[in-house]
Amino acid sequence: MKGLHMYSITADVTYPQMHSHDRRVRLREAALLSIVFEHVCTVQDPGVLEDARLARCAVQSAGITEWQGRSQGRLVSLGWDWMRLHDGALRAQTSVPPRSNITLIDSGGYDMSRHDTDEALIQLILDLPWEEVSADAVSAE
């Protein structure tokens, strides 16, 4: 057949693909834990407050917070819902998945499930010292 060509494509499987068609940043969990996140914004959101009340949470206010950092020069974003309890403390609303451009990859360089990535991100959020910075931002609104 005229014009039919066969091509052989080989890939180096020792390095994960660092660019993606879906604009997600793929990294291993160790790289995630090494990111220094900085506060971008925290605002009250009536929709989050309504969701918290529908879930029968006793809250004064609620909203969203957004943080960002860099991993190997790539910008990563991490946002989540929060609620202010009646004692004034801010708590992450972990019943709602975080919003992020991060997808964790396994040791073979393959994407981990969305659930596994979300679980790791939630644990990271619980370990971050975000509450005071976010409370100050809401107070300044």
Protein backbone atom coordinates (compact mmCIF):
# COMPACT_ATOMS: atom_id res chain seq x y z
CA MET A 1 0.00 0.00 0.00
CA LYS A 2 1.30 3.33 -0.97
CA GLY A 3 1.82 5.88 1.84
CA LEU A 4 1.47 3.45 4.77
CA HIS A 5 4.34 3.69 7.22
CA MET A 6 4.98 1.90 10.47
CA TYR A 7 6.58 3.84 13.31
CA SER A 8 8.25 2.46 16.38
CA ILE A 9 7.88 4.57 19.51
CA THR A 10 9.89 3.87 22.62
CA ALA A 11 9.63 5.64 25.94
CA ASP A 12 11.95 5.96 28.88
CA VAL A 13 9.87 4.48 31.70
CA THR A 14 12.28 5.51 34.47
CA TYR A 15 10.83 9.05 34.59
CA PRO A 16 7.14 9.90 34.94
CA GLN A 17 5.59 12.20 32.38
CA MET A 18 5.68 15.69 33.94
CA HIS A 19 3.38 17.41 31.46
CA SER A 20 -0.20 16.50 30.87
CA HIS A 21 -3.08 17.12 28.53
CA ASP A 22 -5.39 17.77 31.51
CA ARG A 23 -3.15 20.42 33.12
CA ARG A 24 -2.75 18.42 36.32
CA VAL A 25 0.60 18.30 38.10
CA ARG A 26 1.64 14.73 38.71
CA LEU A 27 3.95 13.98 41.61
CA ARG A 28 4.79 11.38 44.17
CA GLU A 29 3.54 11.72 47.74
CA ALA A 30 7.03 12.52 49.05
CA ALA A 31 7.18 15.49 46.68
CA LEU A 32 3.73 16.62 47.85
CA LEU A 33 4.87 16.61 51.46
CA SER A 34 7.92 18.73 50.62
CA ILE A 35 5.88 21.60 49.11
CA VAL A 36 5.78 24.83 51.10
CA PHE A 37 2.24 26.13 50.68
CA GLU A 38 1.47 29.85 50.86
CA HIS A 39 -1.91 31.43 51.50
CA VAL A 40 -3.64 32.97 48.47
CA CYS A 41 -7.07 33.84 49.82
CA THR A 42 -9.76 32.89 52.30
CA VAL A 43 -13.33 34.11 51.96
CA GLN A 44 -16.72 33.36 53.41
CA ASP A 45 -19.07 31.53 51.07
CA PRO A 46 -22.81 31.26 51.78
CA GLY A 47 -23.00 28.06 49.71
CA VAL A 48 -20.48 26.32 51.95
CA LEU A 49 -22.36 27.59 55.02
CA GLU A 50 -25.62 26.13 53.67
CA ASP A 51 -23.91 22.79 52.93
CA ALA A 52 -22.50 22.68 56.48
CA ARG A 53 -25.92 23.40 57.98
CA LEU A 54 -27.58 20.76 55.79
CA ALA A 55 -25.02 18.29 57.15
CA ARG A 56 -26.23 19.30 60.63
CA CYS A 57 -22.96 20.95 61.61
CA ALA A 58 -23.28 23.70 64.23
CA VAL A 59 -21.34 26.48 62.53
CA GLN A 60 -21.18 30.28 62.70
CA SER A 61 -19.70 30.84 59.24
CA ALA A 62 -18.07 28.91 56.45
CA GLY A 63 -16.14 29.46 53.26
CA ILE A 64 -13.23 28.48 51.08
CA THR A 65 -9.49 28.88 51.30
CA GLU A 66 -6.88 28.62 48.56
CA TRP A 67 -3.17 27.91 48.96
CA GLN A 68 -0.38 27.43 46.44
CA GLY A 69 3.18 26.20 46.26
CA ARG A 70 5.75 24.92 43.79
CA SER A 71 7.02 21.47 43.01
CA GLN A 72 10.00 21.27 40.65
CA GLY A 73 9.12 24.73 39.35
CA ARG A 74 5.49 23.87 38.67
CA LEU A 75 2.71 25.80 40.40
CA VAL A 76 0.35 23.67 42.44
CA SER A 77 -2.92 24.81 43.94
CA LEU A 78 -4.84 23.43 46.90
CA GLY A 79 -8.21 24.69 48.05
CA TRP A 80 -10.80 23.41 50.50
CA ASP A 81 -13.97 24.31 52.34
CA TRP A 82 -13.79 25.40 55.97
CA MET A 83 -16.26 26.13 58.74
CA ARG A 84 -16.06 28.24 61.89
CA LEU A 85 -17.46 26.37 64.87
CA HIS A 86 -19.34 28.07 67.69
CA ASP A 87 -16.16 28.13 69.79
CA GLY A 88 -14.53 30.27 67.05
CA ALA A 89 -12.18 27.55 65.78
CA LEU A 90 -11.82 26.97 62.04
CA ARG A 91 -12.03 23.39 60.80
CA ALA A 92 -11.56 21.93 57.35
CA GLN A 93 -14.77 20.46 55.98
CA THR A 94 -13.36 17.10 54.97
CA SER A 95 -16.67 15.69 53.74
CA VAL A 96 -16.09 17.75 50.57
CA PRO A 97 -13.07 16.79 48.45
CA PRO A 98 -10.30 19.39 48.17
CA ARG A 99 -9.87 21.29 44.93
CA SER A 100 -6.44 20.92 43.41
CA ASN A 101 -4.47 20.50 40.21
CA ILE A 102 -2.45 17.72 41.88
CA THR A 103 -2.64 14.06 40.91
CA LEU A 104 -0.46 11.70 42.89
CA ILE A 105 1.45 9.02 41.04
CA ASP A 106 2.61 5.64 42.28
CA SER A 107 6.15 4.24 42.20
CA GLY A 108 5.64 3.15 38.60
CA GLY A 109 4.64 6.67 37.49
CA TYR A 110 0.97 5.81 37.05
CA ASP A 111 -1.86 8.03 38.29
CA MET A 112 -3.27 7.05 41.65
CA SER A 113 -7.05 7.07 41.99
CA ARG A 114 -8.85 10.36 42.61
CA HIS A 115 -9.96 8.93 45.97
CA ASP A 116 -6.37 8.12 47.04
CA THR A 117 -5.16 11.55 45.93
CA ASP A 118 -8.01 13.25 47.81
CA GLU A 119 -7.26 11.25 50.97
CA ALA A 120 -3.59 12.31 50.85
CA LEU A 121 -4.58 15.94 50.24
CA ILE A 122 -7.03 15.88 53.15
CA GLN A 123 -4.32 14.53 55.44
CA LEU A 124 -1.98 17.28 54.23
CA ILE A 125 -4.66 19.91 54.94
CA LEU A 126 -5.16 18.55 58.45
CA ASP A 127 -1.39 18.82 59.04
CA LEU A 128 -0.99 22.34 57.61
CA PRO A 129 -1.01 25.29 60.03
CA TRP A 130 -3.67 27.14 58.01
CA GLU A 131 -6.31 28.06 60.60
CA GLU A 132 -4.79 31.26 62.03
CA VAL A 133 -3.85 32.73 58.65
CA SER A 134 -7.31 31.98 57.25
CA ALA A 135 -9.08 33.33 60.36
CA ASP A 136 -7.10 36.59 60.04
CA ALA A 137 -8.07 36.85 56.35
CA VAL A 138 -11.76 36.39 57.16
CA SER A 139 -11.56 38.98 59.94
CA ALA A 140 -10.10 41.46 57.47
CA GLU A 141 -13.03 41.03 55.02
